[in-house]
Structure formats: C-alpha cells, structure tokens
Amino acid sequence: MDRILIRGGNRLNGRIPISGAKNSALTLLPCALLTDEPLTLRNLPRLADVDSFGHLLNQLGCSTMIEGARPEDFGRVMTLRAGKVTATMAPYDIVRKMRASILVLGPLLARAGEATVSLPGGCAIGNRPIDLHLKALEAFGAEIETTAGYVTARAKNGRLPGGTIVFPVVSVGATENALMAAVRSKGTCILENAAREPEIVDLCRLLVAMGAHIDGIGTEKLVVEGVARSLDPHINIWEVARPVVEAYIKDSIGPKAAIRDAIRTMRVLSRFGPKLPKLAEELLSRQGKAEPEPEGPSLWLAASLILLGAAAATAGFILSISVWG
C-alpha cells in the first residue's frame, strides 16, 4: 500500500476493542511463579514475545493454557499455574531473544530461594545493564554471584529479610523485579525513586489481587510488607515475629506498662483528691439533717467508689514498683 486516502466531513463515533499493552503483559506473566495457585490474564496481545515468555515459563515448571486462539477472537486469555517450580535457571538461548526474560529473576528468587538467569546479551553486561536489578535484590538481603555470563541470586534460609533500595536513577525493569521479589519476603521492603509507569501500577494491582500488601501505588515510594507466611505455610512465623512480640510485651503489658498505667491513674485521681474532704463534709451534714435519699445512686456510694478507686490505684502503684524492683 503506497498511501492512505482519508475523506473527512463526517463526525466519527463508535467503539472499538484494543489489545492489552505489551509492556504490562510481559510484566504480569512472571507473577505466576510467585504462587502455586492458577493465575488468569485476559486480553493478552497476540505477540511473539508473549509466546516466547510462555515457553520460558514452561521450562521453569509453569503450565500455560490459552483460550481465544482463533483469529477472529480479540485478545487472548491465558491461565498459568506453577504448582511446583521444576527449574531455577533461565538459559541464554531464550533470554537472548527477549529482554523481558530477566523478569523471572525476582519471582524465582522469592519462590524458590534461588535463581540463575543469563545476562541479557551474554557476558557483555554493559550493553544491556541489569546492575540496578541486582542492587535492589542485594538491598533486600540476596547474595549475588555473576559468573560465565549468568547471574545467580540466593536468599539465605530461602527468604529475603527485607530492606530499602533508593534507585539512583528510575528503572522500570529494576522496579518490577524488586517488587516481585519483595512480596514474599519475611520483612518490609521499601523502594524509593521507583518507576511510576502504567505497567508498574498494573503489576502492583495484580500483586495486591494475589494477596500482597503494597502501599504507595502510583508514587515514587513503594512499601511492601512481605507475606511469606500466607504464601509459604512452612515458614516459622514465631521466629519471624518474635522480636516484634517481645517488644510489645515489654512495652505494653510488662512492669514498665504497669507503672505507666498507675501513674496515669494517679494523675486523674489527683484532680479529685482536694475535693474529697468537702464531699465527705457534705455527706455527713446531709445525714445529720435526715433528708430523704435522692433518687439514683447515693452520694455515699459515689464517695465509696472514689475512695475505693484511690486505694486500688495506690496499691497497684506500690505493687508495680515492687515487681519492677
């Protein structure tokens, strides 16, 4: 076709379907590695890169089922399931075909505790750098080793402890890999100067739909609370939570807390202390006049409760001091 001739003059209106974005599709596909539950993505674009990424996931143990394969069907529906990760290496012959293949590094590390991925472009890391990807994973506690054109990331004890990464420059791919690695960590992961592209927002929304806890979606600061327990039932939650629980016990229900509560009670009662003699005098005067008792609780009962509360608070204060000592 040499040219397109358009004749105007008529108002245009109507509705047409459009396919999903390639950048989002290639970012969402590796999320299937994070769980053993099925993940269904709809309106995937009909692109060779999507097919290639599906083949890569197949080699790692993730099954893919495609619906809507007919030419007349718009978009495709793909259901992925990684019931068990059978391999943790993404070979060069696949990675070289598609830059986005590096995005399996984060989810493989999070799921299996180890991942080996060929450097995009072979050994020439400078041509297609992934240094920010590796720095982010290191900031979250991963051990990185680069040898013979492959990068290997390992998580001690199988789970990343968490941490903070401040990207020196905005990197979409590094933000994506860091997010997928962070959601299964044992702690909190913070990404500052993170990318804010639409595919990053799509990724965050999918991860939240899968059970992740992410704050700051759409901003340059993302805070991810790891959900290692919900995604991995074998993790010892007491070992992870012990420092937090011990700090809570010490500050909220220990001797310090008892003393703090007693001091607060004494401060409240101190405001009523000067009024107690006058209140007692009024009570005795009314009793001497034999006035009929007013409706509702008697003043004697009110005074008794106040005095009883003061005595209990004082006893509690003394007991707290003895326990603390």
C-alpha atoms as a PDB file:
ATOM      1  CA  MET A   1       0.000   0.000   0.000  1.00  0.00           C
ATOM      2  CA  ASP A   2       1.563   3.270  -1.188  1.00  0.00           C
ATOM      3  CA  ARG A   3      -0.780   5.686   0.524  1.00  0.00           C
ATOM      4  CA  ILE A   4      -3.959   6.035   2.561  1.00  0.00           C
ATOM      5  CA  LEU A   5      -6.613   8.452   1.375  1.00  0.00           C
ATOM      6  CA  ILE A   6      -8.962   9.812   4.025  1.00  0.00           C
ATOM      7  CA  ARG A   7     -12.017  11.850   3.139  1.00  0.00           C
ATOM      8  CA  GLY A   8     -13.401  13.781   6.080  1.00  0.00           C
ATOM      9  CA  GLY A   9     -16.577  15.722   6.593  1.00  0.00           C
ATOM     10  CA  ASN A  10     -18.358  13.158   8.778  1.00  0.00           C
ATOM     11  CA  ARG A  11     -18.390  13.046  12.546  1.00  0.00           C
ATOM     12  CA  LEU A  12     -16.709   9.937  13.912  1.00  0.00           C
ATOM     13  CA  ASN A  13     -18.240   7.918  16.744  1.00  0.00           C
ATOM     14  CA  GLY A  14     -18.322   4.355  17.920  1.00  0.00           C
ATOM     15  CA  ARG A  15     -16.384   1.885  19.994  1.00  0.00           C
ATOM     16  CA  ILE A  16     -13.572  -0.494  19.096  1.00  0.00           C
ATOM     17  CA  PRO A  17     -11.693  -3.018  21.258  1.00  0.00           C
ATOM     18  CA  ILE A  18      -7.963  -2.671  21.781  1.00  0.00           C
ATOM     19  CA  SER A  19      -5.498  -5.262  22.975  1.00  0.00           C
ATOM     20  CA  GLY A  20      -3.655  -5.148  26.270  1.00  0.00           C
ATOM     21  CA  ALA A  21      -0.307  -3.393  26.447  1.00  0.00           C
ATOM     22  CA  LYS A  22       2.777  -5.456  25.648  1.00  0.00           C
ATOM     23  CA  ASN A  23       4.784  -3.883  28.470  1.00  0.00           C
ATOM     24  CA  SER A  24       2.140  -4.828  31.020  1.00  0.00           C
ATOM     25  CA  ALA A  25       1.673  -8.330  29.633  1.00  0.00           C
ATOM     26  CA  LEU A  26       5.373  -9.189  29.844  1.00  0.00           C
ATOM     27  CA  THR A  27       5.493  -7.783  33.386  1.00  0.00           C
ATOM     28  CA  LEU A  28       2.476  -9.713  34.653  1.00  0.00           C
ATOM     29  CA  LEU A  29       3.331 -13.128  33.181  1.00  0.00           C
ATOM     30  CA  PRO A  30       6.213 -13.937  35.588  1.00  0.00           C
ATOM     31  CA  CYS A  31       3.920 -13.301  38.570  1.00  0.00           C
ATOM     32  CA  ALA A  32       2.633 -16.846  38.027  1.00  0.00           C
ATOM     33  CA  LEU A  33       5.901 -18.095  39.555  1.00  0.00           C
ATOM     34  CA  LEU A  34       5.041 -16.499  42.905  1.00  0.00           C
ATOM     35  CA  THR A  35       2.251 -18.923  43.798  1.00  0.00           C
ATOM     36  CA  ASP A  36       1.080 -22.464  43.223  1.00  0.00           C
ATOM     37  CA  GLU A  37      -2.446 -21.199  42.543  1.00  0.00           C
ATOM     38  CA  PRO A  38      -3.666 -20.553  38.975  1.00  0.00           C
ATOM     39  CA  LEU A  39      -3.277 -17.059  37.541  1.00  0.00           C
ATOM     40  CA  THR A  40      -5.525 -15.941  34.675  1.00  0.00           C
ATOM     41  CA  LEU A  41      -4.658 -12.962  32.471  1.00  0.00           C
ATOM     42  CA  ARG A  42      -7.186 -11.632  29.975  1.00  0.00           C
ATOM     43  CA  ASN A  43      -6.873  -9.557  26.819  1.00  0.00           C
ATOM     44  CA  LEU A  44      -3.266 -10.503  26.236  1.00  0.00           C
ATOM     45  CA  PRO A  45      -1.889  -9.125  22.973  1.00  0.00           C
ATOM     46  CA  ARG A  46      -1.098 -11.559  20.171  1.00  0.00           C
ATOM     47  CA  LEU A  47       2.657 -11.097  20.075  1.00  0.00           C
ATOM     48  CA  ALA A  48       5.649 -13.358  19.608  1.00  0.00           C
ATOM     49  CA  ASP A  49       7.178 -12.035  22.852  1.00  0.00           C
ATOM     50  CA  VAL A  50       4.151 -13.232  24.810  1.00  0.00           C
ATOM     51  CA  ASP A  51       4.513 -16.693  23.263  1.00  0.00           C
ATOM     52  CA  SER A  52       8.261 -16.739  23.983  1.00  0.00           C
ATOM     53  CA  PHE A  53       7.704 -15.780  27.606  1.00  0.00           C
ATOM     54  CA  GLY A  54       5.161 -18.569  27.882  1.00  0.00           C
ATOM     55  CA  HIS A  55       7.769 -21.053  26.622  1.00  0.00           C
ATOM     56  CA  LEU A  56      10.252 -19.784  29.209  1.00  0.00           C
ATOM     57  CA  LEU A  57       7.712 -20.283  31.992  1.00  0.00           C
ATOM     58  CA  ASN A  58       7.032 -23.808  30.697  1.00  0.00           C
ATOM     59  CA  GLN A  59      10.725 -24.665  31.139  1.00  0.00           C
ATOM     60  CA  LEU A  60      10.556 -23.476  34.744  1.00  0.00           C
ATOM     61  CA  GLY A  61       7.615 -25.742  35.549  1.00  0.00           C
ATOM     62  CA  CYS A  62       4.724 -23.379  34.893  1.00  0.00           C
ATOM     63  CA  SER A  63       1.905 -24.690  32.724  1.00  0.00           C
ATOM     64  CA  THR A  64       0.096 -22.348  30.326  1.00  0.00           C
ATOM     65  CA  MET A  65      -3.354 -22.769  28.812  1.00  0.00           C
ATOM     66  CA  ILE A  66      -4.519 -20.359  26.124  1.00  0.00           C
ATOM     67  CA  GLU A  67      -8.112 -19.602  25.190  1.00  0.00           C
ATOM     68  CA  GLY A  68      -9.318 -17.431  22.369  1.00  0.00           C
ATOM     69  CA  ALA A  69      -6.711 -18.648  19.889  1.00  0.00           C
ATOM     70  CA  ARG A  70      -8.918 -18.105  16.836  1.00  0.00           C
ATOM     71  CA  PRO A  71      -8.030 -15.139  14.600  1.00  0.00           C
ATOM     72  CA  GLU A  72     -11.490 -13.670  14.979  1.00  0.00           C
ATOM     73  CA  ASP A  73     -11.198 -13.624  18.766  1.00  0.00           C
ATOM     74  CA  PHE A  74      -9.840 -10.336  20.048  1.00  0.00           C
ATOM     75  CA  GLY A  75      -7.108 -10.743  22.603  1.00  0.00           C
ATOM     76  CA  ARG A  76      -6.311 -13.947  24.405  1.00  0.00           C
ATOM     77  CA  VAL A  77      -6.970 -15.436  27.802  1.00  0.00           C
ATOM     78  CA  MET A  78      -4.076 -17.306  29.373  1.00  0.00           C
ATOM     79  CA  THR A  79      -4.212 -19.319  32.582  1.00  0.00           C
ATOM     80  CA  LEU A  80      -0.848 -20.089  34.172  1.00  0.00           C
ATOM     81  CA  ARG A  81      -0.112 -22.413  37.060  1.00  0.00           C
ATOM     82  CA  ALA A  82       3.235 -23.095  38.700  1.00  0.00           C
ATOM     83  CA  GLY A  83       2.220 -25.864  41.075  1.00  0.00           C
ATOM     84  CA  LYS A  84       5.881 -26.712  41.541  1.00  0.00           C
ATOM     85  CA  VAL A  85       8.916 -24.880  40.245  1.00  0.00           C
ATOM     86  CA  THR A  86      10.979 -27.560  38.494  1.00  0.00           C
ATOM     87  CA  ALA A  87      13.924 -25.400  37.416  1.00  0.00           C
ATOM     88  CA  THR A  88      15.525 -22.168  38.588  1.00  0.00           C
ATOM     89  CA  MET A  89      17.668 -21.366  35.553  1.00  0.00           C
ATOM     90  CA  ALA A  90      16.667 -19.270  32.545  1.00  0.00           C
ATOM     91  CA  PRO A  91      19.085 -20.217  29.742  1.00  0.00           C
ATOM     92  CA  TYR A  92      20.716 -17.802  27.342  1.00  0.00           C
ATOM     93  CA  ASP A  93      19.080 -19.205  24.199  1.00  0.00           C
ATOM     94  CA  ILE A  94      15.732 -17.928  25.490  1.00  0.00           C
ATOM     95  CA  VAL A  95      16.834 -14.811  27.339  1.00  0.00           C
ATOM     96  CA  ARG A  96      18.742 -13.520  24.313  1.00  0.00           C
ATOM     97  CA  LYS A  97      15.516 -13.404  22.304  1.00  0.00           C
ATOM     98  CA  MET A  98      13.697 -11.182  24.746  1.00  0.00           C
ATOM     99  CA  ARG A  99      14.961  -8.557  27.167  1.00  0.00           C
ATOM    100  CA  ALA A 100      11.959  -9.072  29.481  1.00  0.00           C
ATOM    101  CA  SER A 101      13.151 -12.594  30.354  1.00  0.00           C
ATOM    102  CA  ILE A 102      15.258 -11.069  33.130  1.00  0.00           C
ATOM    103  CA  LEU A 103      11.979 -10.504  34.996  1.00  0.00           C
ATOM    104  CA  VAL A 104      11.895 -14.138  36.121  1.00  0.00           C
ATOM    105  CA  LEU A 105      14.866 -13.400  38.415  1.00  0.00           C
ATOM    106  CA  GLY A 106      12.841 -11.728  41.171  1.00  0.00           C
ATOM    107  CA  PRO A 107       9.889 -14.139  41.359  1.00  0.00           C
ATOM    108  CA  LEU A 108      12.118 -17.242  41.106  1.00  0.00           C
ATOM    109  CA  LEU A 109      14.263 -15.939  43.955  1.00  0.00           C
ATOM    110  CA  ALA A 110      11.163 -15.196  46.024  1.00  0.00           C
ATOM    111  CA  ARG A 111       9.533 -18.567  45.371  1.00  0.00           C
ATOM    112  CA  ALA A 112      12.473 -20.988  45.296  1.00  0.00           C
ATOM    113  CA  GLY A 113      15.080 -19.040  47.267  1.00  0.00           C
ATOM    114  CA  GLU A 114      17.483 -19.196  44.324  1.00  0.00           C
ATOM    115  CA  ALA A 115      17.516 -18.110  40.684  1.00  0.00           C
ATOM    116  CA  THR A 116      20.022 -18.193  37.841  1.00  0.00           C
ATOM    117  CA  VAL A 117      19.405 -16.105  34.737  1.00  0.00           C
ATOM    118  CA  SER A 118      21.583 -15.463  31.722  1.00  0.00           C
ATOM    119  CA  LEU A 119      22.713 -11.885  31.394  1.00  0.00           C
ATOM    120  CA  PRO A 120      20.822 -10.193  28.562  1.00  0.00           C
ATOM    121  CA  GLY A 121      23.223 -10.023  25.651  1.00  0.00           C
ATOM    122  CA  GLY A 122      25.517 -12.729  27.072  1.00  0.00           C
ATOM    123  CA  CYS A 123      28.582 -11.700  29.038  1.00  0.00           C
ATOM    124  CA  ALA A 124      28.508  -8.070  27.933  1.00  0.00           C
ATOM    125  CA  ILE A 125      26.679  -6.730  30.971  1.00  0.00           C
ATOM    126  CA  GLY A 126      27.494  -3.187  29.922  1.00  0.00           C
ATOM    127  CA  ASN A 127      25.470  -3.447  26.715  1.00  0.00           C
ATOM    128  CA  ARG A 128      22.215  -4.224  28.481  1.00  0.00           C
ATOM    129  CA  PRO A 129      22.889  -3.445  32.122  1.00  0.00           C
ATOM    130  CA  ILE A 130      20.908  -5.026  34.908  1.00  0.00           C
ATOM    131  CA  ASP A 131      23.021  -3.575  37.703  1.00  0.00           C
ATOM    132  CA  LEU A 132      20.041  -1.834  39.322  1.00  0.00           C
ATOM    133  CA  HIS A 133      18.114  -5.121  39.367  1.00  0.00           C
ATOM    134  CA  LEU A 134      20.954  -6.741  41.283  1.00  0.00           C
ATOM    135  CA  LYS A 135      21.450  -3.802  43.660  1.00  0.00           C
ATOM    136  CA  ALA A 136      17.771  -3.890  44.597  1.00  0.00           C
ATOM    137  CA  LEU A 137      17.872  -7.622  45.343  1.00  0.00           C
ATOM    138  CA  GLU A 138      21.069  -7.172  47.359  1.00  0.00           C
ATOM    139  CA  ALA A 139      19.412  -4.388  49.357  1.00  0.00           C
ATOM    140  CA  PHE A 140      16.654  -6.841  50.277  1.00  0.00           C
ATOM    141  CA  GLY A 141      19.171  -9.407  51.501  1.00  0.00           C
ATOM    142  CA  ALA A 142      20.036 -11.504  48.430  1.00  0.00           C
ATOM    143  CA  GLU A 143      23.515 -12.835  47.735  1.00  0.00           C
ATOM    144  CA  ILE A 144      24.531 -12.142  44.126  1.00  0.00           C
ATOM    145  CA  GLU A 145      27.131 -14.015  42.084  1.00  0.00           C
ATOM    146  CA  THR A 146      27.964 -13.344  38.427  1.00  0.00           C
ATOM    147  CA  THR A 147      29.986 -15.920  36.514  1.00  0.00           C
ATOM    148  CA  ALA A 148      30.313 -17.036  32.875  1.00  0.00           C
ATOM    149  CA  GLY A 149      27.536 -14.820  31.606  1.00  0.00           C
ATOM    150  CA  TYR A 150      24.997 -15.881  34.247  1.00  0.00           C
ATOM    151  CA  VAL A 151      23.829 -14.151  37.385  1.00  0.00           C
ATOM    152  CA  THR A 152      22.789 -16.199  40.407  1.00  0.00           C
ATOM    153  CA  ALA A 153      20.774 -14.765  43.288  1.00  0.00           C
ATOM    154  CA  ARG A 154      20.286 -16.609  46.565  1.00  0.00           C
ATOM    155  CA  ALA A 155      18.231 -15.858  49.657  1.00  0.00           C
ATOM    156  CA  LYS A 156      19.624 -17.013  52.987  1.00  0.00           C
ATOM    157  CA  ASN A 157      17.277 -19.541  54.600  1.00  0.00           C
ATOM    158  CA  GLY A 158      15.112 -19.377  51.496  1.00  0.00           C
ATOM    159  CA  ARG A 159      13.504 -15.982  52.170  1.00  0.00           C
ATOM    160  CA  LEU A 160      14.661 -12.395  51.787  1.00  0.00           C
ATOM    161  CA  PRO A 161      14.708 -10.492  55.098  1.00  0.00           C
ATOM    162  CA  GLY A 162      13.731  -7.151  53.532  1.00  0.00           C
ATOM    163  CA  GLY A 163      15.408  -3.762  53.298  1.00  0.00           C
ATOM    164  CA  THR A 164      15.446  -0.419  51.485  1.00  0.00           C
ATOM    165  CA  ILE A 165      16.635   0.458  47.990  1.00  0.00           C
ATOM    166  CA  VAL A 166      16.988   4.026  46.756  1.00  0.00           C
ATOM    167  CA  PHE A 167      17.342   3.869  42.987  1.00  0.00           C
ATOM    168  CA  PRO A 168      19.945   6.367  41.757  1.00  0.00           C
ATOM    169  CA  VAL A 169      18.005   6.601  38.502  1.00  0.00           C
ATOM    170  CA  VAL A 170      14.493   5.478  37.666  1.00  0.00           C
ATOM    171  CA  SER A 171      14.425   1.955  36.241  1.00  0.00           C
ATOM    172  CA  VAL A 172      11.211   0.255  35.188  1.00  0.00           C
ATOM    173  CA  GLY A 173      12.690  -3.245  34.965  1.00  0.00           C
ATOM    174  CA  ALA A 174      14.541  -2.987  38.275  1.00  0.00           C
ATOM    175  CA  THR A 175      11.379  -1.748  39.993  1.00  0.00           C
ATOM    176  CA  GLU A 176       9.427  -4.694  38.577  1.00  0.00           C
ATOM    177  CA  ASN A 177      11.975  -7.310  39.641  1.00  0.00           C
ATOM    178  CA  ALA A 178      12.301  -5.758  43.095  1.00  0.00           C
ATOM    179  CA  LEU A 179       8.529  -5.700  43.616  1.00  0.00           C
ATOM    180  CA  MET A 180       8.086  -9.351  42.706  1.00  0.00           C
ATOM    181  CA  ALA A 181      10.957 -10.370  44.961  1.00  0.00           C
ATOM    182  CA  ALA A 182       9.676  -8.241  47.854  1.00  0.00           C
ATOM    183  CA  VAL A 183       6.153  -9.639  48.145  1.00  0.00           C
ATOM    184  CA  ARG A 184       7.359 -12.960  49.577  1.00  0.00           C
ATOM    185  CA  SER A 185       9.979 -11.505  51.910  1.00  0.00           C
ATOM    186  CA  LYS A 186       9.961 -12.004  55.677  1.00  0.00           C
ATOM    187  CA  GLY A 187      10.037  -8.278  56.411  1.00  0.00           C
ATOM    188  CA  THR A 188       9.353  -4.871  54.916  1.00  0.00           C
ATOM    189  CA  CYS A 189      10.854  -3.791  51.599  1.00  0.00           C
ATOM    190  CA  ILE A 190      10.955  -0.103  50.648  1.00  0.00           C
ATOM    191  CA  LEU A 191      11.564   1.132  47.104  1.00  0.00           C
ATOM    192  CA  GLU A 192      12.412   4.826  46.773  1.00  0.00           C
ATOM    193  CA  ASN A 193      12.649   6.677  43.463  1.00  0.00           C
ATOM    194  CA  ALA A 194      10.696   3.777  41.975  1.00  0.00           C
ATOM    195  CA  ALA A 195       9.293   3.874  38.446  1.00  0.00           C
ATOM    196  CA  ARG A 196       5.678   5.026  38.082  1.00  0.00           C
ATOM    197  CA  GLU A 197       4.861   3.807  34.575  1.00  0.00           C
ATOM    198  CA  PRO A 198       1.428   2.269  33.864  1.00  0.00           C
ATOM    199  CA  GLU A 199       2.900  -1.233  33.797  1.00  0.00           C
ATOM    200  CA  ILE A 200       4.238  -0.694  37.337  1.00  0.00           C
ATOM    201  CA  VAL A 201       0.749   0.240  38.516  1.00  0.00           C
ATOM    202  CA  ASP A 202      -0.689  -2.804  36.718  1.00  0.00           C
ATOM    203  CA  LEU A 203       1.897  -5.017  38.401  1.00  0.00           C
ATOM    204  CA  CYS A 204       1.117  -3.627  41.859  1.00  0.00           C
ATOM    205  CA  ARG A 205      -2.601  -4.142  41.343  1.00  0.00           C
ATOM    206  CA  LEU A 206      -2.105  -7.735  40.265  1.00  0.00           C
ATOM    207  CA  LEU A 207       0.175  -8.477  43.215  1.00  0.00           C
ATOM    208  CA  VAL A 208      -2.388  -6.970  45.598  1.00  0.00           C
ATOM    209  CA  ALA A 209      -5.089  -9.115  43.986  1.00  0.00           C
ATOM    210  CA  MET A 210      -2.848 -12.120  44.667  1.00  0.00           C
ATOM    211  CA  GLY A 211      -2.539 -11.201  48.352  1.00  0.00           C
ATOM    212  CA  ALA A 212       0.394  -8.787  48.529  1.00  0.00           C
ATOM    213  CA  HIS A 213       0.446  -5.722  50.792  1.00  0.00           C
ATOM    214  CA  ILE A 214       1.735  -2.675  48.912  1.00  0.00           C
ATOM    215  CA  ASP A 215       1.435   0.989  49.891  1.00  0.00           C
ATOM    216  CA  GLY A 216       2.165   3.975  47.672  1.00  0.00           C
ATOM    217  CA  ILE A 217       0.966   2.518  44.384  1.00  0.00           C
ATOM    218  CA  GLY A 218       1.455   5.092  41.643  1.00  0.00           C
ATOM    219  CA  THR A 219       4.048   7.076  43.626  1.00  0.00           C
ATOM    220  CA  GLU A 220       7.838   7.061  43.680  1.00  0.00           C
ATOM    221  CA  LYS A 221       7.915   5.346  47.094  1.00  0.00           C
ATOM    222  CA  LEU A 222       6.575   1.818  47.406  1.00  0.00           C
ATOM    223  CA  VAL A 223       6.368  -0.014  50.726  1.00  0.00           C
ATOM    224  CA  VAL A 224       5.875  -3.770  50.525  1.00  0.00           C
ATOM    225  CA  GLU A 225       5.006  -5.819  53.587  1.00  0.00           C
ATOM    226  CA  GLY A 226       6.188  -9.356  52.976  1.00  0.00           C
ATOM    227  CA  VAL A 227       3.539 -12.077  53.059  1.00  0.00           C
ATOM    228  CA  ALA A 228       5.878 -15.048  53.363  1.00  0.00           C
ATOM    229  CA  ARG A 229       3.587 -16.787  55.856  1.00  0.00           C
ATOM    230  CA  SER A 230       0.460 -16.647  53.712  1.00  0.00           C
ATOM    231  CA  LEU A 231       2.328 -17.809  50.615  1.00  0.00           C
ATOM    232  CA  ASP A 232       4.541 -20.373  52.358  1.00  0.00           C
ATOM    233  CA  PRO A 233       2.823 -22.346  55.147  1.00  0.00           C
ATOM    234  CA  HIS A 234       6.143 -23.945  56.175  1.00  0.00           C
ATOM    235  CA  ILE A 235       7.753 -20.766  57.425  1.00  0.00           C
ATOM    236  CA  ASN A 236       8.088 -20.494  61.227  1.00  0.00           C
ATOM    237  CA  ILE A 237       6.039 -17.391  61.942  1.00  0.00           C
ATOM    238  CA  TRP A 238       7.177 -17.276  65.605  1.00  0.00           C
ATOM    239  CA  GLU A 239      10.832 -16.927  64.610  1.00  0.00           C
ATOM    240  CA  VAL A 240       9.906 -14.086  62.286  1.00  0.00           C
ATOM    241  CA  ALA A 241       7.562 -12.319  64.709  1.00  0.00           C
ATOM    242  CA  ARG A 242       9.450 -12.973  67.950  1.00  0.00           C
ATOM    243  CA  PRO A 243      11.318  -9.617  68.114  1.00  0.00           C
ATOM    244  CA  VAL A 244       8.081  -7.718  67.495  1.00  0.00           C
ATOM    245  CA  VAL A 245       6.104  -9.737  70.061  1.00  0.00           C
ATOM    246  CA  GLU A 246       8.792  -9.411  72.730  1.00  0.00           C
ATOM    247  CA  ALA A 247       8.937  -5.655  72.223  1.00  0.00           C
ATOM    248  CA  TYR A 248       5.143  -5.443  72.504  1.00  0.00           C
ATOM    249  CA  ILE A 249       5.080  -7.466  75.731  1.00  0.00           C
ATOM    250  CA  LYS A 250       7.814  -5.333  77.247  1.00  0.00           C
ATOM    251  CA  ASP A 251       6.222  -2.017  76.314  1.00  0.00           C
ATOM    252  CA  SER A 252       2.501  -2.835  76.640  1.00  0.00           C
ATOM    253  CA  ILE A 253       1.940  -5.406  79.385  1.00  0.00           C
ATOM    254  CA  GLY A 254       5.231  -5.612  81.290  1.00  0.00           C
ATOM    255  CA  PRO A 255       6.322  -3.819  84.503  1.00  0.00           C
ATOM    256  CA  LYS A 256       7.003  -0.597  82.610  1.00  0.00           C
ATOM    257  CA  ALA A 257       3.474  -0.585  81.256  1.00  0.00           C
ATOM    258  CA  ALA A 258       2.021  -1.255  84.726  1.00  0.00           C
ATOM    259  CA  ILE A 259       3.925   1.664  86.218  1.00  0.00           C
ATOM    260  CA  ARG A 260       2.918   3.902  83.319  1.00  0.00           C
ATOM    261  CA  ASP A 261      -0.778   2.999  83.780  1.00  0.00           C
ATOM    262  CA  ALA A 262      -0.568   3.538  87.552  1.00  0.00           C
ATOM    263  CA  ILE A 263       0.958   6.982  87.060  1.00  0.00           C
ATOM    264  CA  ARG A 264      -1.830   7.911  84.654  1.00  0.00           C
ATOM    265  CA  THR A 265      -4.427   6.746  87.195  1.00  0.00           C
ATOM    266  CA  MET A 266      -2.806   8.756  89.991  1.00  0.00           C
ATOM    267  CA  ARG A 267      -2.802  11.857  87.798  1.00  0.00           C
ATOM    268  CA  VAL A 268      -6.534  11.505  87.205  1.00  0.00           C
ATOM    269  CA  LEU A 269      -7.294  10.897  90.872  1.00  0.00           C
ATOM    270  CA  SER A 270      -5.118  13.831  91.914  1.00  0.00           C
ATOM    271  CA  ARG A 271      -7.636  16.146  90.317  1.00  0.00           C
ATOM    272  CA  PHE A 272     -10.375  14.795  92.609  1.00  0.00           C
ATOM    273  CA  GLY A 273      -8.264  14.459  95.769  1.00  0.00           C
ATOM    274  CA  PRO A 274      -8.699  18.069  97.006  1.00  0.00           C
ATOM    275  CA  LYS A 275     -12.483  17.717  96.674  1.00  0.00           C
ATOM    276  CA  LEU A 276     -12.784  14.613  98.851  1.00  0.00           C
ATOM    277  CA  PRO A 277     -12.835  16.403 102.325  1.00  0.00           C
ATOM    278  CA  LYS A 278     -15.535  18.811 101.208  1.00  0.00           C
ATOM    279  CA  LEU A 279     -17.548  15.982  99.692  1.00  0.00           C
ATOM    280  CA  ALA A 280     -17.290  13.971 102.926  1.00  0.00           C
ATOM    281  CA  GLU A 281     -18.398  17.006 104.984  1.00  0.00           C
ATOM    282  CA  GLU A 282     -21.464  17.489 102.786  1.00  0.00           C
ATOM    283  CA  LEU A 283     -22.370  13.828 103.153  1.00  0.00           C
ATOM    284  CA  LEU A 284     -22.155  13.977 106.964  1.00  0.00           C
ATOM    285  CA  SER A 285     -24.209  17.176 107.043  1.00  0.00           C
ATOM    286  CA  ARG A 286     -26.963  15.659 104.942  1.00  0.00           C
ATOM    287  CA  GLN A 287     -27.061  12.570 107.116  1.00  0.00           C
ATOM    288  CA  GLY A 288     -27.447  14.737 110.241  1.00  0.00           C
ATOM    289  CA  LYS A 289     -30.431  16.536 108.746  1.00  0.00           C
ATOM    290  CA  ALA A 290     -32.066  13.181 107.908  1.00  0.00           C
ATOM    291  CA  GLU A 291     -33.004  14.383 104.452  1.00  0.00           C
ATOM    292  CA  PRO A 292     -34.756  11.880 102.205  1.00  0.00           C
ATOM    293  CA  GLU A 293     -32.387   9.985  99.965  1.00  0.00           C
ATOM    294  CA  PRO A 294     -32.219  11.384  96.427  1.00  0.00           C
ATOM    295  CA  GLU A 295     -33.227   9.239  93.504  1.00  0.00           C
ATOM    296  CA  GLY A 296     -30.480   7.267  91.858  1.00  0.00           C
ATOM    297  CA  PRO A 297     -27.157   6.206  93.432  1.00  0.00           C
ATOM    298  CA  SER A 298     -26.498   7.708  96.843  1.00  0.00           C
ATOM    299  CA  LEU A 299     -23.673  10.114  97.458  1.00  0.00           C
ATOM    300  CA  TRP A 300     -22.290   7.629  99.976  1.00  0.00           C
ATOM    301  CA  LEU A 301     -21.952   5.082  97.196  1.00  0.00           C
ATOM    302  CA  ALA A 302     -20.220   7.591  94.939  1.00  0.00           C
ATOM    303  CA  ALA A 303     -17.804   8.585  97.674  1.00  0.00           C
ATOM    304  CA  SER A 304     -17.101   4.949  98.498  1.00  0.00           C
ATOM    305  CA  LEU A 305     -16.302   4.196  94.873  1.00  0.00           C
ATOM    306  CA  ILE A 306     -13.934   7.158  94.652  1.00  0.00           C
ATOM    307  CA  LEU A 307     -12.123   6.186  97.830  1.00  0.00           C
ATOM    308  CA  LEU A 308     -12.007   2.542  96.751  1.00  0.00           C
ATOM    309  CA  GLY A 309     -10.577   3.533  93.364  1.00  0.00           C
ATOM    310  CA  ALA A 310      -7.921   5.681  95.011  1.00  0.00           C
ATOM    311  CA  ALA A 311      -6.946   2.825  97.325  1.00  0.00           C
ATOM    312  CA  ALA A 312      -6.804   0.310  94.456  1.00  0.00           C
ATOM    313  CA  ALA A 313      -4.703   2.657  92.321  1.00  0.00           C
ATOM    314  CA  THR A 314      -2.288   3.245  95.194  1.00  0.00           C
ATOM    315  CA  ALA A 315      -1.992  -0.490  95.844  1.00  0.00           C
ATOM    316  CA  GLY A 316      -1.445  -1.145  92.168  1.00  0.00           C
ATOM    317  CA  PHE A 317       1.242   1.526  92.038  1.00  0.00           C
ATOM    318  CA  ILE A 318       3.067   0.026  95.018  1.00  0.00           C
ATOM    319  CA  LEU A 319       2.749  -3.480  93.538  1.00  0.00           C
ATOM    320  CA  SER A 320       4.129  -2.290  90.211  1.00  0.00           C
ATOM    321  CA  ILE A 321       7.125  -0.732  91.910  1.00  0.00           C
ATOM    322  CA  SER A 322       7.797  -3.948  93.825  1.00  0.00           C
ATOM    323  CA  VAL A 323       7.522  -6.035  90.642  1.00  0.00           C
ATOM    324  CA  TRP A 324       9.815  -3.655  88.749  1.00  0.00           C
ATOM    325  CA  GLY A 325      12.331  -3.787  91.561  1.00  0.00           C
END
